[in-house]
């Protein structure tokens, strides 16, 4: 299982509000709960359609009357972390939120101590907005929450940066990127 040892890294669960799960039945109960949640929509993430799931992500705090939605509860197994597929998953969720669902604000929140999640938010084009101190209690500990967001007026430039980054011509034969997502997003923002 991509989320638990021996195939997965238990550190995935350090900053998440739940997990790790004791066994497959425990995980199944969480997934059954998630599939019926009114204020969240969970997605399985795989590198390609039909392949083994390697992670999950969700829309949270879905507030259509205010035009606000959040991407969260993200856990990507080691095989998915820092891959083109992981970036494409976030791009597809952002595109769907703005272009199909008509949201005006997409949020990303994480434990302020979670340096990897904070770097990811910035790499994906989210703007840091501040830290809510003692925002939650998670697993019995106070959590300061770092807030990030993309707004609908920022999305067109970000979309251009993502599309250029995801284009096959941006990757060498060894799958290495030619231009970074951050550089392409920065260039698209300057041109906007």
N, C-alpha and C. Protein backbone atom coordinates (compact mmCIF):
# COMPACT_ATOMS: atom_id res chain seq x y z
N UNK A 1 0.85 -1.18 0.00
CA UNK A 1 0.00 0.00 0.00
C UNK A 1 0.89 1.24 0.00
N UNK A 2 0.60 2.18 -0.89
CA UNK A 2 1.43 3.38 -1.07
C UNK A 2 1.43 4.29 0.15
N UNK A 3 0.49 4.07 1.06
CA UNK A 3 0.35 4.98 2.20
C UNK A 3 0.94 4.47 3.51
N UNK A 4 1.37 3.22 3.54
CA UNK A 4 1.85 2.62 4.78
C UNK A 4 3.09 1.77 4.52
N UNK A 5 3.99 1.67 5.51
CA UNK A 5 5.14 0.79 5.36
C UNK A 5 4.66 -0.65 5.14
N UNK A 6 5.37 -1.49 4.47
CA UNK A 6 6.74 -1.28 3.99
C UNK A 6 6.83 -0.54 2.66
N UNK A 7 5.75 -0.44 1.88
CA UNK A 7 5.82 0.24 0.59
C UNK A 7 5.74 1.75 0.72
N UNK A 8 5.09 2.23 1.76
CA UNK A 8 4.88 3.66 1.93
C UNK A 8 5.64 4.22 3.12
N UNK A 9 5.65 5.52 3.22
CA UNK A 9 6.35 6.23 4.28
C UNK A 9 5.35 6.69 5.33
N UNK A 10 5.51 6.25 6.57
CA UNK A 10 4.59 6.62 7.65
C UNK A 10 4.58 8.13 7.91
N UNK A 11 5.62 8.83 7.46
CA UNK A 11 5.68 10.29 7.67
C UNK A 11 4.58 11.03 6.92
N UNK A 12 3.96 10.38 5.93
CA UNK A 12 2.84 10.99 5.21
C UNK A 12 1.78 11.47 6.19
N UNK A 13 1.62 10.77 7.29
CA UNK A 13 0.51 11.00 8.23
C UNK A 13 0.84 12.03 9.31
N UNK A 14 2.07 12.52 9.35
CA UNK A 14 2.48 13.42 10.43
C UNK A 14 1.56 14.63 10.56
N UNK A 15 1.19 15.24 9.46
CA UNK A 15 0.43 16.48 9.51
C UNK A 15 -1.03 16.33 9.12
N UNK A 16 -1.46 15.13 8.78
CA UNK A 16 -2.85 14.92 8.41
C UNK A 16 -3.70 14.68 9.66
N UNK A 17 -4.99 15.02 9.59
CA UNK A 17 -5.83 14.89 10.78
C UNK A 17 -6.18 13.45 11.14
N UNK A 18 -5.98 12.53 10.22
CA UNK A 18 -6.29 11.13 10.50
C UNK A 18 -5.11 10.26 10.06
N UNK A 19 -5.26 8.94 10.23
CA UNK A 19 -4.22 8.00 9.83
C UNK A 19 -3.00 8.11 10.72
N UNK A 20 -2.08 7.18 10.59
CA UNK A 20 -2.15 6.04 9.68
C UNK A 20 -3.22 5.04 10.14
N UNK A 21 -3.64 4.23 9.22
CA UNK A 21 -4.71 3.27 9.50
C UNK A 21 -4.11 1.94 9.95
N UNK A 22 -4.82 1.29 10.85
CA UNK A 22 -4.29 0.05 11.43
C UNK A 22 -4.31 -1.10 10.43
N UNK A 23 -5.26 -1.08 9.50
CA UNK A 23 -5.35 -2.15 8.50
C UNK A 23 -6.25 -1.69 7.35
N UNK A 24 -6.41 -2.54 6.35
CA UNK A 24 -7.21 -2.18 5.18
C UNK A 24 -8.66 -1.89 5.55
N UNK A 25 -9.20 -2.62 6.53
CA UNK A 25 -10.59 -2.38 6.94
C UNK A 25 -10.76 -0.99 7.56
N UNK A 26 -9.76 -0.56 8.32
CA UNK A 26 -9.78 0.78 8.92
C UNK A 26 -9.77 1.85 7.81
N UNK A 27 -8.90 1.66 6.82
CA UNK A 27 -8.85 2.59 5.69
C UNK A 27 -10.17 2.57 4.92
N UNK A 28 -10.74 1.41 4.72
CA UNK A 28 -12.02 1.30 4.01
C UNK A 28 -13.11 2.09 4.73
N UNK A 29 -13.14 2.02 6.08
CA UNK A 29 -14.15 2.78 6.84
C UNK A 29 -13.98 4.28 6.61
N UNK A 30 -12.74 4.76 6.58
CA UNK A 30 -12.50 6.18 6.33
C UNK A 30 -12.97 6.53 4.92
N UNK A 31 -12.67 5.70 3.94
CA UNK A 31 -13.07 5.98 2.56
C UNK A 31 -14.60 5.95 2.41
N UNK A 32 -15.26 5.06 3.12
CA UNK A 32 -16.73 5.02 3.09
C UNK A 32 -17.30 6.31 3.70
N UNK A 33 -16.71 6.74 4.82
CA UNK A 33 -17.13 8.00 5.41
C UNK A 33 -16.89 9.15 4.42
N UNK A 34 -15.70 9.17 3.82
CA UNK A 34 -15.34 10.26 2.90
C UNK A 34 -16.30 10.32 1.72
N UNK A 35 -16.73 9.17 1.24
CA UNK A 35 -17.61 9.16 0.07
C UNK A 35 -19.00 9.71 0.39
N UNK A 36 -19.34 9.78 1.66
CA UNK A 36 -20.67 10.30 2.04
C UNK A 36 -20.61 11.69 2.68
N UNK A 37 -19.43 12.27 2.80
CA UNK A 37 -19.29 13.59 3.44
C UNK A 37 -19.95 14.67 2.59
N UNK A 38 -20.72 15.55 3.23
CA UNK A 38 -21.42 16.62 2.51
C UNK A 38 -20.49 17.78 2.14
N UNK A 39 -19.48 18.03 2.95
CA UNK A 39 -18.64 19.20 2.74
C UNK A 39 -17.26 18.86 2.18
N UNK A 40 -17.11 17.67 1.62
CA UNK A 40 -15.83 17.27 1.05
C UNK A 40 -16.07 16.30 -0.10
N UNK A 41 -15.18 16.34 -1.08
CA UNK A 41 -15.18 15.39 -2.20
C UNK A 41 -13.77 14.87 -2.35
N UNK A 42 -13.61 13.56 -2.12
CA UNK A 42 -12.30 12.94 -2.17
C UNK A 42 -12.05 12.29 -3.53
N UNK A 43 -10.78 12.34 -3.97
CA UNK A 43 -10.38 11.77 -5.25
C UNK A 43 -9.17 10.86 -5.04
N UNK A 44 -9.19 9.75 -5.72
CA UNK A 44 -8.03 8.87 -5.78
C UNK A 44 -7.11 9.37 -6.88
N UNK A 45 -5.81 9.34 -6.64
CA UNK A 45 -4.86 9.83 -7.63
C UNK A 45 -3.96 8.67 -8.05
N UNK A 46 -3.87 8.47 -9.37
CA UNK A 46 -2.98 7.48 -9.96
C UNK A 46 -2.18 8.17 -11.06
N UNK A 47 -1.02 7.62 -11.39
CA UNK A 47 -0.18 8.24 -12.41
C UNK A 47 -0.88 8.24 -13.77
N UNK A 48 -1.56 7.15 -14.09
CA UNK A 48 -2.30 7.02 -15.34
C UNK A 48 -3.61 6.31 -15.07
N UNK A 49 -4.64 6.56 -15.90
CA UNK A 49 -5.91 5.85 -15.70
C UNK A 49 -5.70 4.33 -15.69
N UNK A 50 -6.38 3.68 -14.77
CA UNK A 50 -6.29 2.22 -14.67
C UNK A 50 -5.11 1.71 -13.87
N UNK A 51 -4.20 2.59 -13.50
CA UNK A 51 -3.04 2.17 -12.71
C UNK A 51 -3.39 2.17 -11.22
N UNK A 52 -2.51 1.57 -10.45
CA UNK A 52 -2.66 1.46 -8.99
C UNK A 52 -2.75 2.85 -8.36
N UNK A 53 -3.71 3.06 -7.45
CA UNK A 53 -3.78 4.35 -6.74
C UNK A 53 -2.50 4.61 -5.96
N UNK A 54 -2.04 5.86 -6.03
CA UNK A 54 -0.81 6.24 -5.35
C UNK A 54 -1.02 7.37 -4.35
N UNK A 55 -2.27 7.83 -4.23
CA UNK A 55 -2.54 8.91 -3.30
C UNK A 55 -3.97 9.36 -3.37
N UNK A 56 -4.25 10.45 -2.67
CA UNK A 56 -5.59 11.03 -2.69
C UNK A 56 -5.51 12.53 -2.42
N UNK A 57 -6.57 13.21 -2.81
CA UNK A 57 -6.72 14.64 -2.55
C UNK A 57 -8.21 14.92 -2.47
N UNK A 58 -8.56 16.05 -1.92
CA UNK A 58 -9.99 16.35 -1.73
C UNK A 58 -10.27 17.82 -1.95
N UNK A 59 -11.52 18.08 -2.33
CA UNK A 59 -12.06 19.43 -2.20
C UNK A 59 -12.67 19.47 -0.81
N UNK A 60 -12.35 20.51 -0.05
CA UNK A 60 -12.85 20.69 1.31
C UNK A 60 -13.49 22.08 1.42
N UNK A 61 -14.20 22.30 2.52
CA UNK A 61 -14.82 23.60 2.79
C UNK A 61 -15.49 24.15 1.54
N UNK A 62 -16.28 23.33 0.92
CA UNK A 62 -16.97 23.68 -0.32
C UNK A 62 -18.09 24.66 0.02
N UNK A 63 -17.92 25.91 -0.41
CA UNK A 63 -18.87 26.97 -0.07
C UNK A 63 -19.27 27.71 -1.34
N UNK A 64 -20.16 27.10 -2.14
CA UNK A 64 -20.52 27.73 -3.42
C UNK A 64 -21.17 29.10 -3.27
N UNK A 65 -21.91 29.32 -2.19
CA UNK A 65 -22.57 30.62 -2.04
C UNK A 65 -21.57 31.75 -1.85
N UNK A 66 -20.35 31.42 -1.42
CA UNK A 66 -19.30 32.44 -1.30
C UNK A 66 -18.26 32.32 -2.40
N UNK A 67 -18.36 31.27 -3.22
CA UNK A 67 -17.41 31.06 -4.31
C UNK A 67 -16.05 30.61 -3.83
N UNK A 68 -16.00 29.86 -2.71
CA UNK A 68 -14.74 29.44 -2.12
C UNK A 68 -14.70 27.92 -1.98
N UNK A 69 -13.56 27.35 -2.32
CA UNK A 69 -13.34 25.91 -2.20
C UNK A 69 -11.87 25.71 -1.85
N UNK A 70 -11.56 24.61 -1.21
CA UNK A 70 -10.20 24.32 -0.77
C UNK A 70 -9.75 22.99 -1.35
N UNK A 71 -8.48 22.90 -1.72
CA UNK A 71 -7.83 21.62 -2.02
C UNK A 71 -7.12 21.22 -0.74
N UNK A 72 -7.36 20.00 -0.28
CA UNK A 72 -6.71 19.56 0.95
C UNK A 72 -6.73 18.07 1.13
N UNK A 73 -6.40 17.68 2.33
CA UNK A 73 -6.26 16.27 2.71
C UNK A 73 -5.47 15.51 1.65
N UNK A 74 -4.37 16.12 1.26
CA UNK A 74 -3.54 15.55 0.20
C UNK A 74 -2.52 14.60 0.82
N UNK A 75 -2.53 13.37 0.36
CA UNK A 75 -1.39 12.51 0.65
C UNK A 75 -1.03 11.77 -0.62
N UNK A 76 0.22 11.96 -1.00
CA UNK A 76 0.77 11.29 -2.17
C UNK A 76 1.84 10.33 -1.68
N UNK A 77 1.71 9.06 -2.09
CA UNK A 77 2.74 8.08 -1.76
C UNK A 77 4.05 8.49 -2.42
N UNK A 78 5.14 7.89 -1.96
CA UNK A 78 6.48 8.24 -2.45
C UNK A 78 6.60 8.16 -3.97
N UNK A 79 5.94 7.18 -4.59
CA UNK A 79 6.03 7.02 -6.05
C UNK A 79 5.32 8.14 -6.80
N UNK A 80 4.46 8.90 -6.13
CA UNK A 80 3.73 9.99 -6.77
C UNK A 80 4.32 11.35 -6.44
N UNK A 81 5.02 11.45 -5.32
CA UNK A 81 5.54 12.74 -4.87
C UNK A 81 6.54 13.29 -5.87
N UNK A 82 6.43 14.61 -6.11
CA UNK A 82 7.34 15.33 -7.01
C UNK A 82 7.37 14.72 -8.41
N UNK A 83 6.21 14.32 -8.92
CA UNK A 83 6.11 13.78 -10.27
C UNK A 83 5.23 14.67 -11.13
N UNK A 84 5.32 14.46 -12.43
CA UNK A 84 4.44 15.17 -13.36
C UNK A 84 2.99 14.86 -13.04
N UNK A 85 2.71 13.60 -12.71
CA UNK A 85 1.33 13.20 -12.40
C UNK A 85 0.79 13.94 -11.18
N UNK A 86 1.60 14.15 -10.17
CA UNK A 86 1.16 14.87 -8.98
C UNK A 86 0.81 16.32 -9.34
N UNK A 87 1.67 16.95 -10.11
CA UNK A 87 1.41 18.33 -10.54
C UNK A 87 0.16 18.40 -11.39
N UNK A 88 0.01 17.44 -12.30
CA UNK A 88 -1.17 17.43 -13.15
C UNK A 88 -2.45 17.24 -12.33
N UNK A 89 -2.39 16.43 -11.28
CA UNK A 89 -3.57 16.23 -10.42
C UNK A 89 -4.00 17.56 -9.79
N UNK A 90 -3.05 18.32 -9.28
CA UNK A 90 -3.38 19.62 -8.67
C UNK A 90 -3.89 20.58 -9.74
N UNK A 91 -3.26 20.58 -10.90
CA UNK A 91 -3.73 21.43 -12.00
C UNK A 91 -5.17 21.08 -12.38
N UNK A 92 -5.47 19.81 -12.53
CA UNK A 92 -6.83 19.40 -12.92
C UNK A 92 -7.87 19.80 -11.87
N UNK A 93 -7.50 19.68 -10.60
CA UNK A 93 -8.43 20.10 -9.55
C UNK A 93 -8.64 21.62 -9.57
N UNK A 94 -7.57 22.37 -9.76
CA UNK A 94 -7.68 23.83 -9.83
C UNK A 94 -8.50 24.25 -11.05
N UNK A 95 -8.19 23.67 -12.19
CA UNK A 95 -8.92 24.00 -13.41
C UNK A 95 -10.41 23.71 -13.26
N UNK A 96 -10.72 22.54 -12.69
CA UNK A 96 -12.12 22.17 -12.50
C UNK A 96 -12.82 23.17 -11.57
N UNK A 97 -12.14 23.55 -10.49
CA UNK A 97 -12.75 24.48 -9.52
C UNK A 97 -13.06 25.82 -10.17
N UNK A 98 -12.13 26.35 -10.96
CA UNK A 98 -12.33 27.66 -11.56
C UNK A 98 -13.19 27.61 -12.83
N UNK A 99 -12.86 26.69 -13.73
CA UNK A 99 -13.46 26.73 -15.06
C UNK A 99 -14.78 25.98 -15.17
N UNK A 100 -14.93 24.89 -14.45
CA UNK A 100 -16.17 24.11 -14.54
C UNK A 100 -17.16 24.48 -13.44
N UNK A 101 -16.64 24.69 -12.22
CA UNK A 101 -17.52 24.94 -11.08
C UNK A 101 -17.73 26.43 -10.82
N UNK A 102 -16.88 27.28 -11.38
CA UNK A 102 -17.07 28.72 -11.26
C UNK A 102 -16.68 29.34 -9.93
N UNK A 103 -15.78 28.71 -9.19
CA UNK A 103 -15.33 29.30 -7.92
C UNK A 103 -14.44 30.50 -8.19
N UNK A 104 -14.43 31.43 -7.23
CA UNK A 104 -13.62 32.63 -7.37
C UNK A 104 -12.38 32.59 -6.49
N UNK A 105 -12.32 31.60 -5.59
CA UNK A 105 -11.17 31.49 -4.67
C UNK A 105 -10.92 30.02 -4.38
N UNK A 106 -9.65 29.60 -4.55
CA UNK A 106 -9.22 28.24 -4.26
C UNK A 106 -8.18 28.32 -3.16
N UNK A 107 -8.43 27.64 -2.05
CA UNK A 107 -7.54 27.73 -0.88
C UNK A 107 -6.71 26.46 -0.71
N UNK A 108 -5.59 26.63 -0.04
CA UNK A 108 -4.70 25.54 0.35
C UNK A 108 -4.29 25.86 1.77
N UNK A 109 -4.56 24.97 2.69
CA UNK A 109 -4.17 25.19 4.08
C UNK A 109 -3.36 24.00 4.55
N UNK A 110 -2.40 24.26 5.40
CA UNK A 110 -1.59 23.17 5.94
C UNK A 110 -1.04 23.57 7.30
N UNK A 111 -0.59 22.57 8.03
CA UNK A 111 0.09 22.82 9.29
C UNK A 111 1.28 23.73 8.99
N UNK A 112 1.42 24.80 9.75
CA UNK A 112 2.50 25.75 9.51
C UNK A 112 3.88 25.11 9.63
N UNK A 113 3.98 23.98 10.33
CA UNK A 113 5.25 23.27 10.46
C UNK A 113 5.55 22.38 9.26
N UNK A 114 4.58 22.18 8.38
CA UNK A 114 4.73 21.27 7.25
C UNK A 114 5.44 21.98 6.10
N UNK A 115 6.76 22.00 6.16
CA UNK A 115 7.56 22.73 5.16
C UNK A 115 7.34 22.19 3.75
N UNK A 116 7.18 20.89 3.60
CA UNK A 116 6.98 20.31 2.26
C UNK A 116 5.66 20.78 1.64
N UNK A 117 4.60 20.83 2.43
CA UNK A 117 3.32 21.29 1.92
C UNK A 117 3.36 22.77 1.59
N UNK A 118 4.06 23.53 2.38
CA UNK A 118 4.17 24.97 2.12
C UNK A 118 4.94 25.22 0.82
N UNK A 119 6.03 24.47 0.62
CA UNK A 119 6.78 24.60 -0.64
C UNK A 119 5.90 24.20 -1.82
N UNK A 120 5.14 23.12 -1.66
CA UNK A 120 4.26 22.67 -2.74
C UNK A 120 3.23 23.74 -3.08
N UNK A 121 2.61 24.34 -2.08
CA UNK A 121 1.60 25.38 -2.33
C UNK A 121 2.20 26.52 -3.15
N UNK A 122 3.39 26.94 -2.78
CA UNK A 122 4.03 28.04 -3.50
C UNK A 122 4.42 27.61 -4.91
N UNK A 123 4.93 26.39 -5.05
CA UNK A 123 5.28 25.88 -6.38
C UNK A 123 4.06 25.82 -7.28
N UNK A 124 2.91 25.45 -6.72
CA UNK A 124 1.69 25.35 -7.51
C UNK A 124 1.04 26.70 -7.78
N UNK A 125 1.63 27.79 -7.30
CA UNK A 125 1.14 29.12 -7.62
C UNK A 125 0.22 29.74 -6.59
N UNK A 126 0.05 29.09 -5.45
CA UNK A 126 -0.77 29.66 -4.38
C UNK A 126 0.03 30.78 -3.69
N UNK A 127 -0.67 31.81 -3.28
CA UNK A 127 -0.05 32.95 -2.60
C UNK A 127 -0.25 32.79 -1.09
N UNK A 128 0.84 32.95 -0.35
CA UNK A 128 0.80 32.87 1.11
C UNK A 128 0.04 34.06 1.66
N UNK A 129 -0.93 33.80 2.55
CA UNK A 129 -1.76 34.87 3.11
C UNK A 129 -1.59 35.05 4.62
N UNK A 130 -0.90 34.13 5.26
CA UNK A 130 -0.68 34.30 6.69
C UNK A 130 -0.86 33.01 7.46
N UNK A 131 -0.66 33.11 8.78
CA UNK A 131 -0.78 31.95 9.66
C UNK A 131 -1.87 32.23 10.69
N UNK A 132 -2.81 31.31 10.79
CA UNK A 132 -3.83 31.37 11.83
C UNK A 132 -3.28 30.60 13.02
N UNK A 133 -2.93 31.32 14.09
CA UNK A 133 -2.33 30.69 15.27
C UNK A 133 -3.38 29.90 16.05
N UNK A 134 -2.97 28.72 16.51
CA UNK A 134 -3.85 27.84 17.29
C UNK A 134 -5.21 27.67 16.59
N UNK A 135 -5.16 27.47 15.31
CA UNK A 135 -6.36 27.37 14.47
C UNK A 135 -7.14 26.10 14.76
N UNK A 136 -6.44 25.01 15.04
CA UNK A 136 -7.10 23.73 15.26
C UNK A 136 -6.35 22.93 16.31
N UNK A 137 -7.00 21.88 16.77
CA UNK A 137 -6.32 20.86 17.56
C UNK A 137 -6.36 19.60 16.71
N UNK A 138 -5.19 19.09 16.35
CA UNK A 138 -5.09 17.91 15.49
C UNK A 138 -4.25 16.86 16.21
N UNK A 139 -4.83 15.70 16.36
CA UNK A 139 -4.15 14.59 17.05
C UNK A 139 -3.65 15.03 18.42
N UNK A 140 -4.49 15.82 19.10
CA UNK A 140 -4.20 16.24 20.47
C UNK A 140 -3.20 17.38 20.59
N UNK A 141 -2.80 18.00 19.47
CA UNK A 141 -1.82 19.08 19.52
C UNK A 141 -2.38 20.34 18.86
N UNK A 142 -1.98 21.50 19.40
CA UNK A 142 -2.33 22.76 18.74
C UNK A 142 -1.72 22.79 17.36
N UNK A 143 -2.49 23.33 16.41
CA UNK A 143 -1.98 23.46 15.04
C UNK A 143 -2.14 24.90 14.61
N UNK A 144 -1.01 25.50 14.23
CA UNK A 144 -1.03 26.77 13.54
C UNK A 144 -1.20 26.43 12.06
N UNK A 145 -2.08 27.14 11.37
CA UNK A 145 -2.39 26.81 9.99
C UNK A 145 -1.91 27.91 9.05
N UNK A 146 -1.09 27.51 8.07
CA UNK A 146 -0.64 28.42 7.02
C UNK A 146 -1.70 28.44 5.92
N UNK A 147 -2.13 29.63 5.52
CA UNK A 147 -3.18 29.81 4.51
C UNK A 147 -2.57 30.31 3.21
N UNK A 148 -3.01 29.69 2.12
CA UNK A 148 -2.60 30.07 0.77
C UNK A 148 -3.86 30.13 -0.09
N UNK A 149 -3.81 30.88 -1.18
CA UNK A 149 -4.97 30.93 -2.08
C UNK A 149 -4.56 31.34 -3.48
N UNK A 150 -5.41 30.95 -4.42
CA UNK A 150 -5.39 31.44 -5.80
C UNK A 150 -6.77 32.02 -6.03
N UNK A 151 -6.85 33.18 -6.67
CA UNK A 151 -8.15 33.76 -6.99
C UNK A 151 -8.42 33.64 -8.48
N UNK A 152 -9.68 33.80 -8.84
CA UNK A 152 -10.08 33.60 -10.23
C UNK A 152 -9.39 34.57 -11.18
N UNK A 153 -9.05 35.77 -10.73
CA UNK A 153 -8.35 36.70 -11.61
C UNK A 153 -6.89 36.32 -11.81
N UNK A 154 -6.32 35.53 -10.91
CA UNK A 154 -4.95 35.02 -11.06
C UNK A 154 -4.91 33.76 -11.91
N UNK A 155 -6.03 33.03 -11.97
CA UNK A 155 -6.04 31.72 -12.60
C UNK A 155 -5.61 31.72 -14.07
N UNK A 156 -6.04 32.65 -14.93
CA UNK A 156 -5.63 32.55 -16.33
C UNK A 156 -4.10 32.50 -16.53
N UNK A 157 -3.36 33.32 -15.80
CA UNK A 157 -1.90 33.28 -15.91
C UNK A 157 -1.34 31.97 -15.38
N UNK A 158 -1.88 31.52 -14.26
CA UNK A 158 -1.42 30.24 -13.70
C UNK A 158 -1.72 29.09 -14.65
N UNK A 159 -2.90 29.10 -15.23
CA UNK A 159 -3.27 28.05 -16.19
C UNK A 159 -2.25 28.00 -17.33
N UNK A 160 -1.85 29.16 -17.85
CA UNK A 160 -0.85 29.19 -18.92
C UNK A 160 0.47 28.58 -18.46
N UNK A 161 0.89 28.92 -17.25
CA UNK A 161 2.13 28.34 -16.72
C UNK A 161 2.05 26.84 -16.58
N UNK A 162 0.94 26.32 -16.05
CA UNK A 162 0.75 24.88 -15.92
C UNK A 162 0.75 24.20 -17.29
N UNK A 163 0.03 24.78 -18.25
CA UNK A 163 -0.08 24.15 -19.57
C UNK A 163 1.29 24.09 -20.25
N UNK A 164 2.07 25.15 -20.12
CA UNK A 164 3.42 25.13 -20.69
C UNK A 164 4.29 24.10 -19.99
N UNK A 165 4.16 23.99 -18.68
CA UNK A 165 4.98 23.04 -17.93
C UNK A 165 4.60 21.60 -18.28
N UNK A 166 3.30 21.34 -18.42
CA UNK A 166 2.83 19.98 -18.71
C UNK A 166 3.02 19.58 -20.17
N UNK A 167 3.32 20.51 -21.06
CA UNK A 167 3.50 20.20 -22.48
C UNK A 167 4.65 19.21 -22.66
N UNK A 168 4.47 18.21 -23.52
CA UNK A 168 5.54 17.22 -23.75
C UNK A 168 6.89 17.85 -24.11
N UNK A 169 6.88 18.98 -24.82
CA UNK A 169 8.12 19.63 -25.20
C UNK A 169 8.91 20.20 -24.04
N UNK A 170 8.31 20.25 -22.84
CA UNK A 170 9.02 20.76 -21.67
C UNK A 170 9.80 19.67 -20.95
N UNK A 171 9.80 18.45 -21.49
CA UNK A 171 10.48 17.35 -20.81
C UNK A 171 11.50 16.69 -21.74
N UNK A 172 12.67 16.40 -21.18
CA UNK A 172 13.71 15.69 -21.92
C UNK A 172 13.37 14.21 -21.96
N UNK A 173 14.11 13.45 -22.72
CA UNK A 173 13.88 12.01 -22.85
C UNK A 173 13.97 11.30 -21.51
N UNK A 174 14.78 11.81 -20.58
CA UNK A 174 14.91 11.18 -19.25
C UNK A 174 13.80 11.64 -18.31
N UNK A 175 12.79 12.35 -18.85
CA UNK A 175 11.63 12.86 -18.12
C UNK A 175 11.95 14.08 -17.27
N UNK A 176 13.18 14.58 -17.35
CA UNK A 176 13.53 15.79 -16.61
C UNK A 176 12.91 17.02 -17.25
N UNK A 177 12.49 17.97 -16.43
CA UNK A 177 11.87 19.19 -16.94
C UNK A 177 12.91 20.12 -17.53
N UNK A 178 12.52 20.86 -18.53
CA UNK A 178 13.40 21.86 -19.13
C UNK A 178 13.23 23.18 -18.39
N UNK A 179 11.99 23.61 -18.20
CA UNK A 179 11.70 24.83 -17.44
C UNK A 179 10.85 24.45 -16.24
N UNK A 180 11.10 25.06 -15.11
CA UNK A 180 10.35 24.73 -13.90
C UNK A 180 8.96 25.35 -13.94
N UNK A 181 8.05 24.74 -13.19
CA UNK A 181 6.71 25.28 -13.08
C UNK A 181 6.76 26.69 -12.50
N UNK A 182 7.57 26.88 -11.49
CA UNK A 182 7.68 28.21 -10.87
C UNK A 182 8.12 29.27 -11.86
N UNK A 183 9.09 28.94 -12.71
CA UNK A 183 9.56 29.91 -13.70
C UNK A 183 8.48 30.21 -14.72
N UNK A 184 7.75 29.19 -15.16
CA UNK A 184 6.69 29.39 -16.15
C UNK A 184 5.52 30.19 -15.58
N UNK A 185 5.17 29.91 -14.32
CA UNK A 185 4.09 30.67 -13.68
C UNK A 185 4.53 32.13 -13.50
N UNK A 186 5.76 32.35 -13.07
CA UNK A 186 6.25 33.72 -12.88
C UNK A 186 6.23 34.47 -14.21
N UNK A 187 6.67 33.83 -15.29
CA UNK A 187 6.66 34.47 -16.61
C UNK A 187 5.23 34.79 -17.04
N UNK A 188 4.30 33.86 -16.83
CA UNK A 188 2.91 34.07 -17.22
C UNK A 188 2.29 35.21 -16.41
N UNK A 189 2.65 35.32 -15.14
CA UNK A 189 2.14 36.42 -14.32
C UNK A 189 2.66 37.76 -14.80
N UNK A 190 3.92 37.81 -15.22
CA UNK A 190 4.49 39.07 -15.72
C UNK A 190 3.79 39.50 -17.01
N UNK A 191 3.44 38.52 -17.84
CA UNK A 191 2.82 38.84 -19.13
C UNK A 191 1.35 39.20 -18.98
N UNK A 192 0.73 38.82 -17.86
CA UNK A 192 -0.72 39.05 -17.67
C UNK A 192 -1.04 40.51 -17.47
